[in-house]
Amino acid sequence: MFFRAQVRRVLQRVPGKQRFGIYRFLPFFFVLGGTMEWIMIKVRVGQETFYDVYRRKASERQYQRRLEDASETERQQSIK
């Protein structure tokens, strides 16, 4: 219960409650999202960043789709 009271006290100290209501926290989340994005772009784990992995996986999926489409086309042509 003590932890909940502390969180509530900290949240009450954020200015703009009457004017902005719950939206007063929006700038914090905007900065948090920007920071996460920067980390995913710049911080390397081993040799790769998050986007290196994402691009590699996307190209692998695209290559698999092309192989499947080519094999599907070959099957349809062999049936005719």
Protein backbone atom coordinates (compact mmCIF):
# COMPACT_ATOMS: atom_id res chain seq x y z
CA MET A 1 0.00 0.00 0.00
CA PHE A 2 2.91 2.32 0.72
CA PHE A 3 4.18 1.98 -2.87
CA ARG A 4 0.78 2.91 -4.30
CA ALA A 5 0.68 6.03 -2.15
CA GLN A 6 4.13 7.05 -3.35
CA VAL A 7 3.15 6.62 -7.00
CA ARG A 8 -0.01 8.62 -6.46
CA ARG A 9 1.96 11.41 -4.77
CA VAL A 10 4.46 11.57 -7.66
CA LEU A 11 1.65 11.64 -10.24
CA GLN A 12 -0.10 14.44 -8.38
CA ARG A 13 3.05 16.57 -8.58
CA VAL A 14 3.00 16.64 -12.40
CA PRO A 15 1.68 20.08 -13.36
CA GLY A 16 -1.32 20.76 -15.61
CA LYS A 17 -3.95 18.55 -13.98
CA GLN A 18 -6.83 21.02 -14.30
CA ARG A 19 -6.04 22.20 -17.81
CA PHE A 20 -4.80 19.02 -19.52
CA GLY A 21 -6.10 16.21 -17.33
CA ILE A 22 -4.64 12.83 -18.24
CA TYR A 23 -2.98 14.29 -21.35
CA ARG A 24 -0.41 16.08 -19.20
CA PHE A 25 1.67 12.89 -19.33
CA LEU A 26 1.85 12.91 -23.14
CA PRO A 27 5.22 14.73 -23.38
CA PHE A 28 6.83 12.13 -21.13
CA PHE A 29 5.63 9.28 -23.35
CA PHE A 30 6.72 11.17 -26.46
CA VAL A 31 10.24 11.50 -25.07
CA LEU A 32 10.19 7.87 -23.94
CA GLY A 33 9.18 6.71 -27.43
CA GLY A 34 11.88 8.83 -29.05
CA THR A 35 14.47 7.43 -26.69
CA MET A 36 13.42 3.86 -27.43
CA GLU A 37 13.60 4.56 -31.17
CA TRP A 38 17.08 6.05 -30.82
CA ILE A 39 18.23 2.99 -28.85
CA MET A 40 16.85 0.62 -31.50
CA ILE A 41 18.70 2.52 -34.22
CA LYS A 42 22.01 3.29 -32.53
CA VAL A 43 22.73 0.68 -29.86
CA ARG A 44 24.38 -2.47 -31.14
CA VAL A 45 24.02 -5.83 -29.42
CA GLY A 46 26.87 -7.88 -30.76
CA GLN A 47 27.14 -6.79 -34.38
CA GLU A 48 23.50 -5.91 -35.04
CA THR A 49 20.93 -3.28 -34.21
CA PHE A 50 17.20 -3.91 -34.00
CA TYR A 51 16.67 -2.58 -37.51
CA ASP A 52 19.43 -4.74 -38.98
CA VAL A 53 17.58 -7.79 -37.70
CA TYR A 54 14.23 -6.42 -38.90
CA ARG A 55 15.53 -5.77 -42.43
CA ARG A 56 17.19 -9.17 -42.63
CA LYS A 57 14.03 -10.98 -41.48
CA ALA A 58 11.87 -8.98 -43.91
CA SER A 59 14.14 -9.84 -46.84
CA GLU A 60 14.14 -13.52 -45.80
CA ARG A 61 10.33 -13.54 -45.73
CA GLN A 62 10.18 -11.86 -49.13
CA TYR A 63 12.62 -14.42 -50.57
CA GLN A 64 10.54 -17.29 -49.14
CA ARG A 65 7.36 -15.83 -50.66
CA ARG A 66 9.04 -15.57 -54.06
CA LEU A 67 10.20 -19.19 -53.84
CA GLU A 68 6.70 -20.33 -52.86
CA ASP A 69 5.11 -18.31 -55.68
CA ALA A 70 7.59 -19.73 -58.20
CA SER A 71 6.95 -23.31 -57.06
CA GLU A 72 3.18 -22.68 -57.16
CA THR A 73 3.47 -21.39 -60.73
CA GLU A 74 5.53 -24.41 -61.74
CA ARG A 75 2.95 -26.78 -60.23
CA GLN A 76 0.10 -25.07 -62.06
CA GLN A 77 1.99 -25.23 -65.37
CA SER A 78 2.83 -28.91 -64.94
CA ILE A 79 -0.86 -29.71 -64.29
CA LYS A 80 -1.95 -28.09 -67.59
